[in-house]
Amino acid sequence: LPGIDGPVGYEGGVISIGVRLARVEPRIV
């Protein structure tokens, strides 16, 4: 989308989802 380019953070929610995302998604810094 215009105006958004990262980098990306993730916060909150079910902690296991955050663990998996932080492990597999390289755009999350």
mmCIF file of all heavy atoms, coordinates in Angstrom:
data_MODEL
# 
_entry.id   MODEL 
# 
loop_
_atom_site.group_PDB 
_atom_site.id 
_atom_site.type_symbol 
_atom_site.label_atom_id 
_atom_site.label_alt_id 
_atom_site.label_comp_id 
_atom_site.label_asym_id 
_atom_site.label_entity_id 
_atom_site.label_seq_id 
_atom_site.pdbx_PDB_ins_code 
_atom_site.Cartn_x 
_atom_site.Cartn_y 
_atom_site.Cartn_z 
_atom_site.occupancy 
_atom_site.B_iso_or_equiv 
_atom_site.pdbx_formal_charge 
_atom_site.auth_seq_id 
_atom_site.auth_comp_id 
_atom_site.auth_asym_id 
_atom_site.auth_atom_id 
_atom_site.pdbx_PDB_model_num 
ATOM 1   N N   . LEU A 1 1  ? 0.833  -1.204  0.000  1.00 0.00 ? 1  LEU A N   1 
ATOM 2   C CA  . LEU A 1 1  ? 0.000  0.000   0.000  1.00 0.00 ? 1  LEU A CA  1 
ATOM 3   C C   . LEU A 1 1  ? 0.869  1.257   0.000  1.00 0.00 ? 1  LEU A C   1 
ATOM 4   O O   . LEU A 1 1  ? 1.955  1.264   0.588  1.00 0.00 ? 1  LEU A O   1 
ATOM 5   C CB  . LEU A 1 1  ? -0.912 0.008   1.230  1.00 0.00 ? 1  LEU A CB  1 
ATOM 6   C CG  . LEU A 1 1  ? -1.979 -1.075  1.306  1.00 0.00 ? 1  LEU A CG  1 
ATOM 7   C CD1 . LEU A 1 1  ? -2.688 -1.010  2.659  1.00 0.00 ? 1  LEU A CD1 1 
ATOM 8   C CD2 . LEU A 1 1  ? -2.984 -0.926  0.165  1.00 0.00 ? 1  LEU A CD2 1 
ATOM 9   N N   . PRO A 1 2  ? 0.405  2.330   -0.618 1.00 0.00 ? 2  PRO A N   1 
ATOM 10  C CA  . PRO A 1 2  ? 1.154  3.591   -0.571 1.00 0.00 ? 2  PRO A CA  1 
ATOM 11  C C   . PRO A 1 2  ? 1.326  4.075   0.866  1.00 0.00 ? 2  PRO A C   1 
ATOM 12  O O   . PRO A 1 2  ? 0.408  3.991   1.675  1.00 0.00 ? 2  PRO A O   1 
ATOM 13  C CB  . PRO A 1 2  ? 0.262  4.552   -1.368 1.00 0.00 ? 2  PRO A CB  1 
ATOM 14  C CG  . PRO A 1 2  ? -0.611 3.680   -2.212 1.00 0.00 ? 2  PRO A CG  1 
ATOM 15  C CD  . PRO A 1 2  ? -0.828 2.433   -1.418 1.00 0.00 ? 2  PRO A CD  1 
ATOM 16  N N   . GLY A 1 3  ? 2.520  4.532   1.182  1.00 0.00 ? 3  GLY A N   1 
ATOM 17  C CA  . GLY A 1 3  ? 2.771  5.119   2.490  1.00 0.00 ? 3  GLY A CA  1 
ATOM 18  C C   . GLY A 1 3  ? 3.214  4.150   3.551  1.00 0.00 ? 3  GLY A C   1 
ATOM 19  O O   . GLY A 1 3  ? 3.498  4.556   4.682  1.00 0.00 ? 3  GLY A O   1 
ATOM 20  N N   . ILE A 1 4  ? 3.269  2.844   3.232  1.00 0.00 ? 4  ILE A N   1 
ATOM 21  C CA  . ILE A 1 4  ? 3.716  1.841   4.202  1.00 0.00 ? 4  ILE A CA  1 
ATOM 22  C C   . ILE A 1 4  ? 4.825  1.024   3.553  1.00 0.00 ? 4  ILE A C   1 
ATOM 23  O O   . ILE A 1 4  ? 4.632  0.479   2.473  1.00 0.00 ? 4  ILE A O   1 
ATOM 24  C CB  . ILE A 1 4  ? 2.574  0.906   4.640  1.00 0.00 ? 4  ILE A CB  1 
ATOM 25  C CG1 . ILE A 1 4  ? 1.429  1.693   5.265  1.00 0.00 ? 4  ILE A CG1 1 
ATOM 26  C CG2 . ILE A 1 4  ? 3.077  -0.145  5.621  1.00 0.00 ? 4  ILE A CG2 1 
ATOM 27  C CD1 . ILE A 1 4  ? 0.210  0.846   5.607  1.00 0.00 ? 4  ILE A CD1 1 
ATOM 28  N N   . ASP A 1 5  ? 5.983  0.938   4.214  1.00 0.00 ? 5  ASP A N   1 
ATOM 29  C CA  . ASP A 1 5  ? 7.046  0.132   3.626  1.00 0.00 ? 5  ASP A CA  1 
ATOM 30  C C   . ASP A 1 5  ? 7.840  -0.681  4.642  1.00 0.00 ? 5  ASP A C   1 
ATOM 31  O O   . ASP A 1 5  ? 8.842  -1.309  4.300  1.00 0.00 ? 5  ASP A O   1 
ATOM 32  C CB  . ASP A 1 5  ? 8.004  1.011   2.815  1.00 0.00 ? 5  ASP A CB  1 
ATOM 33  C CG  . ASP A 1 5  ? 8.860  1.924   3.692  1.00 0.00 ? 5  ASP A CG  1 
ATOM 34  O OD1 . ASP A 1 5  ? 8.562  2.035   4.897  1.00 0.00 ? 5  ASP A OD1 1 
ATOM 35  O OD2 . ASP A 1 5  ? 9.823  2.513   3.181  1.00 0.00 ? 5  ASP A OD2 1 
ATOM 36  N N   . GLY A 1 6  ? 7.404  -0.685  5.900  1.00 0.00 ? 6  GLY A N   1 
ATOM 37  C CA  . GLY A 1 6  ? 8.185  -1.397  6.898  1.00 0.00 ? 6  GLY A CA  1 
ATOM 38  C C   . GLY A 1 6  ? 9.342  -0.528  7.375  1.00 0.00 ? 6  GLY A C   1 
ATOM 39  O O   . GLY A 1 6  ? 9.477  0.621   6.958  1.00 0.00 ? 6  GLY A O   1 
ATOM 40  N N   . PRO A 1 7  ? 10.201 -1.061  8.250  1.00 0.00 ? 7  PRO A N   1 
ATOM 41  C CA  . PRO A 1 7  ? 10.161 -2.434  8.767  1.00 0.00 ? 7  PRO A CA  1 
ATOM 42  C C   . PRO A 1 7  ? 8.928  -2.718  9.609  1.00 0.00 ? 7  PRO A C   1 
ATOM 43  O O   . PRO A 1 7  ? 8.119  -1.829  9.848  1.00 0.00 ? 7  PRO A O   1 
ATOM 44  C CB  . PRO A 1 7  ? 11.453 -2.528  9.588  1.00 0.00 ? 7  PRO A CB  1 
ATOM 45  C CG  . PRO A 1 7  ? 11.753 -1.124  9.984  1.00 0.00 ? 7  PRO A CG  1 
ATOM 46  C CD  . PRO A 1 7  ? 11.294 -0.266  8.841  1.00 0.00 ? 7  PRO A CD  1 
ATOM 47  N N   . VAL A 1 8  ? 8.804  -3.967  10.047 1.00 0.00 ? 8  VAL A N   1 
ATOM 48  C CA  . VAL A 1 8  ? 7.577  -4.437  10.664 1.00 0.00 ? 8  VAL A CA  1 
ATOM 49  C C   . VAL A 1 8  ? 7.852  -4.931  12.080 1.00 0.00 ? 8  VAL A C   1 
ATOM 50  O O   . VAL A 1 8  ? 8.851  -5.614  12.329 1.00 0.00 ? 8  VAL A O   1 
ATOM 51  C CB  . VAL A 1 8  ? 6.953  -5.577  9.827  1.00 0.00 ? 8  VAL A CB  1 
ATOM 52  C CG1 . VAL A 1 8  ? 5.662  -6.076  10.461 1.00 0.00 ? 8  VAL A CG1 1 
ATOM 53  C CG2 . VAL A 1 8  ? 6.711  -5.119  8.397  1.00 0.00 ? 8  VAL A CG2 1 
ATOM 54  N N   . GLY A 1 9  ? 6.949  -4.600  12.983 1.00 0.00 ? 9  GLY A N   1 
ATOM 55  C CA  . GLY A 1 9  ? 6.961  -5.147  14.332 1.00 0.00 ? 9  GLY A CA  1 
ATOM 56  C C   . GLY A 1 9  ? 5.688  -5.934  14.571 1.00 0.00 ? 9  GLY A C   1 
ATOM 57  O O   . GLY A 1 9  ? 4.686  -5.760  13.878 1.00 0.00 ? 9  GLY A O   1 
ATOM 58  N N   . TYR A 1 10 ? 5.722  -6.815  15.545 1.00 0.00 ? 10 TYR A N   1 
ATOM 59  C CA  . TYR A 1 10 ? 4.533  -7.571  15.946 1.00 0.00 ? 10 TYR A CA  1 
ATOM 60  C C   . TYR A 1 10 ? 4.383  -7.449  17.445 1.00 0.00 ? 10 TYR A C   1 
ATOM 61  O O   . TYR A 1 10 ? 5.375  -7.522  18.190 1.00 0.00 ? 10 TYR A O   1 
ATOM 62  C CB  . TYR A 1 10 ? 4.654  -9.052  15.571 1.00 0.00 ? 10 TYR A CB  1 
ATOM 63  C CG  . TYR A 1 10 ? 3.483  -9.870  16.088 1.00 0.00 ? 10 TYR A CG  1 
ATOM 64  C CD1 . TYR A 1 10 ? 2.306  -9.976  15.350 1.00 0.00 ? 10 TYR A CD1 1 
ATOM 65  C CD2 . TYR A 1 10 ? 3.531  -10.501 17.333 1.00 0.00 ? 10 TYR A CD2 1 
ATOM 66  C CE1 . TYR A 1 10 ? 1.221  -10.694 15.834 1.00 0.00 ? 10 TYR A CE1 1 
ATOM 67  C CE2 . TYR A 1 10 ? 2.455  -11.211 17.829 1.00 0.00 ? 10 TYR A CE2 1 
ATOM 68  C CZ  . TYR A 1 10 ? 1.298  -11.302 17.074 1.00 0.00 ? 10 TYR A CZ  1 
ATOM 69  O OH  . TYR A 1 10 ? 0.214  -11.996 17.562 1.00 0.00 ? 10 TYR A OH  1 
ATOM 70  N N   . GLU A 1 11 ? 3.119  -7.313  17.905 1.00 0.00 ? 11 GLU A N   1 
ATOM 71  C CA  . GLU A 1 11 ? 2.904  -7.249  19.344 1.00 0.00 ? 11 GLU A CA  1 
ATOM 72  C C   . GLU A 1 11 ? 1.604  -7.896  19.752 1.00 0.00 ? 11 GLU A C   1 
ATOM 73  O O   . GLU A 1 11 ? 0.629  -7.917  19.005 1.00 0.00 ? 11 GLU A O   1 
ATOM 74  C CB  . GLU A 1 11 ? 2.924  -5.802  19.836 1.00 0.00 ? 11 GLU A CB  1 
ATOM 75  C CG  . GLU A 1 11 ? 1.698  -5.005  19.512 1.00 0.00 ? 11 GLU A CG  1 
ATOM 76  C CD  . GLU A 1 11 ? 1.396  -3.935  20.563 1.00 0.00 ? 11 GLU A CD  1 
ATOM 77  O OE1 . GLU A 1 11 ? 2.256  -3.648  21.398 1.00 0.00 ? 11 GLU A OE1 1 
ATOM 78  O OE2 . GLU A 1 11 ? 0.274  -3.410  20.525 1.00 0.00 ? 11 GLU A OE2 1 
ATOM 79  N N   . GLY A 1 12 ? 1.612  -8.429  20.971 1.00 0.00 ? 12 GLY A N   1 
ATOM 80  C CA  . GLY A 1 12 ? 0.392  -8.840  21.635 1.00 0.00 ? 12 GLY A CA  1 
ATOM 81  C C   . GLY A 1 12 ? -0.199 -10.154 21.148 1.00 0.00 ? 12 GLY A C   1 
ATOM 82  O O   . GLY A 1 12 ? 0.403  -10.920 20.408 1.00 0.00 ? 12 GLY A O   1 
ATOM 83  N N   . GLY A 1 13 ? -1.426 -10.402 21.601 1.00 0.00 ? 13 GLY A N   1 
ATOM 84  C CA  . GLY A 1 13 ? -2.174 -11.560 21.164 1.00 0.00 ? 13 GLY A CA  1 
ATOM 85  C C   . GLY A 1 13 ? -1.705 -12.859 21.789 1.00 0.00 ? 13 GLY A C   1 
ATOM 86  O O   . GLY A 1 13 ? -1.044 -12.889 22.832 1.00 0.00 ? 13 GLY A O   1 
ATOM 87  N N   . VAL A 1 14 ? -2.051 -13.953 21.138 1.00 0.00 ? 14 VAL A N   1 
ATOM 88  C CA  . VAL A 1 14 ? -1.646 -15.286 21.586 1.00 0.00 ? 14 VAL A CA  1 
ATOM 89  C C   . VAL A 1 14 ? -0.138 -15.399 21.415 1.00 0.00 ? 14 VAL A C   1 
ATOM 90  O O   . VAL A 1 14 ? 0.380  -15.294 20.307 1.00 0.00 ? 14 VAL A O   1 
ATOM 91  C CB  . VAL A 1 14 ? -2.369 -16.375 20.767 1.00 0.00 ? 14 VAL A CB  1 
ATOM 92  C CG1 . VAL A 1 14 ? -1.911 -17.765 21.187 1.00 0.00 ? 14 VAL A CG1 1 
ATOM 93  C CG2 . VAL A 1 14 ? -3.886 -16.229 20.911 1.00 0.00 ? 14 VAL A CG2 1 
ATOM 94  N N   . ILE A 1 15 ? 0.578  -15.617 22.505 1.00 0.00 ? 15 ILE A N   1 
ATOM 95  C CA  . ILE A 1 15 ? 2.035  -15.533 22.450 1.00 0.00 ? 15 ILE A CA  1 
ATOM 96  C C   . ILE A 1 15 ? 2.638  -16.566 21.499 1.00 0.00 ? 15 ILE A C   1 
ATOM 97  O O   . ILE A 1 15 ? 3.663  -16.311 20.857 1.00 0.00 ? 15 ILE A O   1 
ATOM 98  C CB  . ILE A 1 15 ? 2.649  -15.648 23.857 1.00 0.00 ? 15 ILE A CB  1 
ATOM 99  C CG1 . ILE A 1 15 ? 4.121  -15.190 23.838 1.00 0.00 ? 15 ILE A CG1 1 
ATOM 100 C CG2 . ILE A 1 15 ? 2.484  -17.043 24.425 1.00 0.00 ? 15 ILE A CG2 1 
ATOM 101 C CD1 . ILE A 1 15 ? 4.719  -15.002 25.215 1.00 0.00 ? 15 ILE A CD1 1 
ATOM 102 N N   . SER A 1 16 ? 2.007  -17.721 21.343 1.00 0.00 ? 16 SER A N   1 
ATOM 103 C CA  . SER A 1 16 ? 2.542  -18.731 20.430 1.00 0.00 ? 16 SER A CA  1 
ATOM 104 C C   . SER A 1 16 ? 2.481  -18.270 18.978 1.00 0.00 ? 16 SER A C   1 
ATOM 105 O O   . SER A 1 16 ? 3.357  -18.621 18.176 1.00 0.00 ? 16 SER A O   1 
ATOM 106 C CB  . SER A 1 16 ? 1.792  -20.051 20.597 1.00 0.00 ? 16 SER A CB  1 
ATOM 107 O OG  . SER A 1 16 ? 2.047  -20.621 21.876 1.00 0.00 ? 16 SER A OG  1 
ATOM 108 N N   . ILE A 1 17 ? 1.472  -17.491 18.619 1.00 0.00 ? 17 ILE A N   1 
ATOM 109 C CA  . ILE A 1 17 ? 1.421  -16.916 17.280 1.00 0.00 ? 17 ILE A CA  1 
ATOM 110 C C   . ILE A 1 17 ? 2.586  -15.953 17.098 1.00 0.00 ? 17 ILE A C   1 
ATOM 111 O O   . ILE A 1 17 ? 3.259  -15.950 16.052 1.00 0.00 ? 17 ILE A O   1 
ATOM 112 C CB  . ILE A 1 17 ? 0.073  -16.206 17.032 1.00 0.00 ? 17 ILE A CB  1 
ATOM 113 C CG1 . ILE A 1 17 ? -1.059 -17.232 16.996 1.00 0.00 ? 17 ILE A CG1 1 
ATOM 114 C CG2 . ILE A 1 17 ? 0.107  -15.401 15.738 1.00 0.00 ? 17 ILE A CG2 1 
ATOM 115 C CD1 . ILE A 1 17 ? -2.438 -16.623 16.848 1.00 0.00 ? 17 ILE A CD1 1 
ATOM 116 N N   . GLY A 1 18 ? 2.856  -15.135 18.116 1.00 0.00 ? 18 GLY A N   1 
ATOM 117 C CA  . GLY A 1 18 ? 3.979  -14.213 18.042 1.00 0.00 ? 18 GLY A CA  1 
ATOM 118 C C   . GLY A 1 18 ? 5.307  -14.933 17.919 1.00 0.00 ? 18 GLY A C   1 
ATOM 119 O O   . GLY A 1 18 ? 6.195  -14.516 17.172 1.00 0.00 ? 18 GLY A O   1 
ATOM 120 N N   . VAL A 1 19 ? 5.466  -16.042 18.660 1.00 0.00 ? 19 VAL A N   1 
ATOM 121 C CA  . VAL A 1 19 ? 6.707  -16.814 18.580 1.00 0.00 ? 19 VAL A CA  1 
ATOM 122 C C   . VAL A 1 19 ? 6.908  -17.348 17.159 1.00 0.00 ? 19 VAL A C   1 
ATOM 123 O O   . VAL A 1 19 ? 7.993  -17.214 16.572 1.00 0.00 ? 19 VAL A O   1 
ATOM 124 C CB  . VAL A 1 19 ? 6.689  -17.975 19.589 1.00 0.00 ? 19 VAL A CB  1 
ATOM 125 C CG1 . VAL A 1 19 ? 7.873  -18.915 19.359 1.00 0.00 ? 19 VAL A CG1 1 
ATOM 126 C CG2 . VAL A 1 19 ? 6.711  -17.440 21.019 1.00 0.00 ? 19 VAL A CG2 1 
ATOM 127 N N   . ARG A 1 20 ? 5.863  -17.954 16.597 1.00 0.00 ? 20 ARG A N   1 
ATOM 128 C CA  . ARG A 1 20 ? 5.985  -18.511 15.245 1.00 0.00 ? 20 ARG A CA  1 
ATOM 129 C C   . ARG A 1 20 ? 6.262  -17.422 14.214 1.00 0.00 ? 20 ARG A C   1 
ATOM 130 O O   . ARG A 1 20 ? 7.131  -17.590 13.338 1.00 0.00 ? 20 ARG A O   1 
ATOM 131 C CB  . ARG A 1 20 ? 4.703  -19.267 14.899 1.00 0.00 ? 20 ARG A CB  1 
ATOM 132 C CG  . ARG A 1 20 ? 4.613  -19.811 13.474 1.00 0.00 ? 20 ARG A CG  1 
ATOM 133 C CD  . ARG A 1 20 ? 5.496  -20.993 13.196 1.00 0.00 ? 20 ARG A CD  1 
ATOM 134 N NE  . ARG A 1 20 ? 5.211  -22.116 14.067 1.00 0.00 ? 20 ARG A NE  1 
ATOM 135 C CZ  . ARG A 1 20 ? 4.194  -23.002 13.877 1.00 0.00 ? 20 ARG A CZ  1 
ATOM 136 N NH1 . ARG A 1 20 ? 3.394  -22.876 12.826 1.00 0.00 ? 20 ARG A NH1 1 
ATOM 137 N NH2 . ARG A 1 20 ? 4.016  -23.995 14.724 1.00 0.00 ? 20 ARG A NH2 1 
ATOM 138 N N   . LEU A 1 21 ? 5.546  -16.307 14.306 1.00 0.00 ? 21 LEU A N   1 
ATOM 139 C CA  . LEU A 1 21 ? 5.772  -15.224 13.346 1.00 0.00 ? 21 LEU A CA  1 
ATOM 140 C C   . LEU A 1 21 ? 7.186  -14.676 13.456 1.00 0.00 ? 21 LEU A C   1 
ATOM 141 O O   . LEU A 1 21 ? 7.849  -14.430 12.439 1.00 0.00 ? 21 LEU A O   1 
ATOM 142 C CB  . LEU A 1 21 ? 4.755  -14.097 13.569 1.00 0.00 ? 21 LEU A CB  1 
ATOM 143 C CG  . LEU A 1 21 ? 3.441  -14.205 12.823 1.00 0.00 ? 21 LEU A CG  1 
ATOM 144 C CD1 . LEU A 1 21 ? 2.467  -13.131 13.311 1.00 0.00 ? 21 LEU A CD1 1 
ATOM 145 C CD2 . LEU A 1 21 ? 3.640  -14.072 11.312 1.00 0.00 ? 21 LEU A CD2 1 
ATOM 146 N N   . ALA A 1 22 ? 7.653  -14.482 14.675 1.00 0.00 ? 22 ALA A N   1 
ATOM 147 C CA  . ALA A 1 22 ? 9.002  -13.953 14.865 1.00 0.00 ? 22 ALA A CA  1 
ATOM 148 C C   . ALA A 1 22 ? 10.058 -14.917 14.330 1.00 0.00 ? 22 ALA A C   1 
ATOM 149 O O   . ALA A 1 22 ? 11.136 -14.503 13.906 1.00 0.00 ? 22 ALA A O   1 
ATOM 150 C CB  . ALA A 1 22 ? 9.258  -13.672 16.341 1.00 0.00 ? 22 ALA A CB  1 
ATOM 151 N N   . ARG A 1 23 ? 9.737  -16.202 14.328 1.00 0.00 ? 23 ARG A N   1 
ATOM 152 C CA  . ARG A 1 23 ? 10.691 -17.197 13.842 1.00 0.00 ? 23 ARG A CA  1 
ATOM 153 C C   . ARG A 1 23 ? 10.711 -17.283 12.319 1.00 0.00 ? 23 ARG A C   1 
ATOM 154 O O   . ARG A 1 23 ? 11.781 -17.389 11.719 1.00 0.00 ? 23 ARG A O   1 
ATOM 155 C CB  . ARG A 1 23 ? 10.360 -18.579 14.422 1.00 0.00 ? 23 ARG A CB  1 
ATOM 156 C CG  . ARG A 1 23 ? 11.323 -19.658 13.967 1.00 0.00 ? 23 ARG A CG  1 
ATOM 157 C CD  . ARG A 1 23 ? 11.011 -20.995 14.576 1.00 0.00 ? 23 ARG A CD  1 
ATOM 158 N NE  . ARG A 1 23 ? 9.816  -21.615 14.035 1.00 0.00 ? 23 ARG A NE  1 
ATOM 159 C CZ  . ARG A 1 23 ? 9.762  -22.277 12.878 1.00 0.00 ? 23 ARG A CZ  1 
ATOM 160 N NH1 . ARG A 1 23 ? 10.842 -22.373 12.111 1.00 0.00 ? 23 ARG A NH1 1 
ATOM 161 N NH2 . ARG A 1 23 ? 8.640  -22.843 12.485 1.00 0.00 ? 23 ARG A NH2 1 
ATOM 162 N N   . VAL A 1 24 ? 9.526  -17.227 11.680 1.00 0.00 ? 24 VAL A N   1 
ATOM 163 C CA  . VAL A 1 24 ? 9.458  -17.552 10.242 1.00 0.00 ? 24 VAL A CA  1 
ATOM 164 C C   . VAL A 1 24 ? 9.364  -16.339 9.334  1.00 0.00 ? 24 VAL A C   1 
ATOM 165 O O   . VAL A 1 24 ? 9.611  -16.457 8.126  1.00 0.00 ? 24 VAL A O   1 
ATOM 166 C CB  . VAL A 1 24 ? 8.276  -18.497 9.941  1.00 0.00 ? 24 VAL A CB  1 
ATOM 167 C CG1 . VAL A 1 24 ? 8.376  -19.760 10.778 1.00 0.00 ? 24 VAL A CG1 1 
ATOM 168 C CG2 . VAL A 1 24 ? 6.919  -17.805 10.169 1.00 0.00 ? 24 VAL A CG2 1 
ATOM 169 N N   . GLU A 1 25 ? 8.990  -15.165 9.861  1.00 0.00 ? 25 GLU A N   1 
ATOM 170 C CA  . GLU A 1 25 ? 8.743  -14.011 9.003  1.00 0.00 ? 25 GLU A CA  1 
ATOM 171 C C   . GLU A 1 25 ? 9.924  -13.041 9.071  1.00 0.00 ? 25 GLU A C   1 
ATOM 172 O O   . GLU A 1 25 ? 10.073 -12.302 10.035 1.00 0.00 ? 25 GLU A O   1 
ATOM 173 C CB  . GLU A 1 25 ? 7.438  -13.313 9.408  1.00 0.00 ? 25 GLU A CB  1 
ATOM 174 C CG  . GLU A 1 25 ? 7.115  -12.049 8.633  1.00 0.00 ? 25 GLU A CG  1 
ATOM 175 C CD  . GLU A 1 25 ? 7.228  -12.248 7.132  1.00 0.00 ? 25 GLU A CD  1 
ATOM 176 O OE1 . GLU A 1 25 ? 6.380  -12.971 6.558  1.00 0.00 ? 25 GLU A OE1 1 
ATOM 177 O OE2 . GLU A 1 25 ? 8.177  -11.685 6.546  1.00 0.00 ? 25 GLU A OE2 1 
ATOM 178 N N   . PRO A 1 26 ? 10.756 -12.992 8.020  1.00 0.00 ? 26 PRO A N   1 
ATOM 179 C CA  . PRO A 1 26 ? 11.964 -12.152 8.075  1.00 0.00 ? 26 PRO A CA  1 
ATOM 180 C C   . PRO A 1 26 ? 11.684 -10.657 8.081  1.00 0.00 ? 26 PRO A C   1 
ATOM 181 O O   . PRO A 1 26 ? 12.565 -9.874  8.457  1.00 0.00 ? 26 PRO A O   1 
ATOM 182 C CB  . PRO A 1 26 ? 12.737 -12.571 6.814  1.00 0.00 ? 26 PRO A CB  1 
ATOM 183 C CG  . PRO A 1 26 ? 11.698 -13.118 5.890  1.00 0.00 ? 26 PRO A CG  1 
ATOM 184 C CD  . PRO A 1 26 ? 10.678 -13.776 6.761  1.00 0.00 ? 26 PRO A CD  1 
ATOM 185 N N   . ARG A 1 27 ? 10.481 -10.257 7.673  1.00 0.00 ? 27 ARG A N   1 
ATOM 186 C CA  . ARG A 1 27 ? 10.176 -8.817  7.658  1.00 0.00 ? 27 ARG A CA  1 
ATOM 187 C C   . ARG A 1 27 ? 9.875  -8.282  9.049  1.00 0.00 ? 27 ARG A C   1 
ATOM 188 O O   . ARG A 1 27 ? 9.863  -7.067  9.255  1.00 0.00 ? 27 ARG A O   1 
ATOM 189 C CB  . ARG A 1 27 ? 9.017  -8.552  6.700  1.00 0.00 ? 27 ARG A CB  1 
ATOM 190 C CG  . ARG A 1 27 ? 9.386  -8.795  5.241  1.00 0.00 ? 27 ARG A CG  1 
ATOM 191 C CD  . ARG A 1 27 ? 8.167  -8.781  4.329  1.00 0.00 ? 27 ARG A CD  1 
ATOM 192 N NE  . ARG A 1 27 ? 7.282  -9.912  4.596  1.00 0.00 ? 27 ARG A NE  1 
ATOM 193 C CZ  . ARG A 1 27 ? 6.211  -10.221 3.852  1.00 0.00 ? 27 ARG A CZ  1 
ATOM 194 N NH1 . ARG A 1 27 ? 5.906  -9.457  2.806  1.00 0.00 ? 27 ARG A NH1 1 
ATOM 195 N NH2 . ARG A 1 27 ? 5.451  -11.265 4.150  1.00 0.00 ? 27 ARG A NH2 1 
ATOM 196 N N   . ILE A 1 28 ? 9.631  -9.159  10.009 1.00 0.00 ? 28 ILE A N   1 
ATOM 197 C CA  . ILE A 1 28 ? 9.424  -8.738  11.396 1.00 0.00 ? 28 ILE A CA  1 
ATOM 198 C C   . ILE A 1 28 ? 10.787 -8.603  12.060 1.00 0.00 ? 28 ILE A C   1 
ATOM 199 O O   . ILE A 1 28 ? 11.538 -9.570  12.176 1.00 0.00 ? 28 ILE A O   1 
ATOM 200 C CB  . ILE A 1 28 ? 8.545  -9.739  12.153 1.00 0.00 ? 28 ILE A CB  1 
ATOM 201 C CG1 . ILE A 1 28 ? 7.113  -9.703  11.589 1.00 0.00 ? 28 ILE A CG1 1 
ATOM 202 C CG2 . ILE A 1 28 ? 8.537  -9.433  13.648 1.00 0.00 ? 28 ILE A CG2 1 
ATOM 203 C CD1 . ILE A 1 28 ? 6.177  -10.711 12.218 1.00 0.00 ? 28 ILE A CD1 1 
ATOM 204 N N   . VAL A 1 29 ? 11.107 -7.384  12.498 1.00 0.00 ? 29 VAL A N   1 
ATOM 205 C CA  . VAL A 1 29 ? 12.440 -7.109  13.047 1.00 0.00 ? 29 VAL A CA  1 
ATOM 206 C C   . VAL A 1 29 ? 12.423 -6.934  14.561 1.00 0.00 ? 29 VAL A C   1 
ATOM 207 O O   . VAL A 1 29 ? 13.488 -6.823  15.173 1.00 0.00 ? 29 VAL A O   1 
ATOM 208 C CB  . VAL A 1 29 ? 13.057 -5.863  12.380 1.00 0.00 ? 29 VAL A CB  1 
ATOM 209 C CG1 . VAL A 1 29 ? 13.154 -6.049  10.871 1.00 0.00 ? 29 VAL A CG1 1 
ATOM 210 C CG2 . VAL A 1 29 ? 12.255 -4.602  12.709 1.00 0.00 ? 29 VAL A CG2 1 
# 
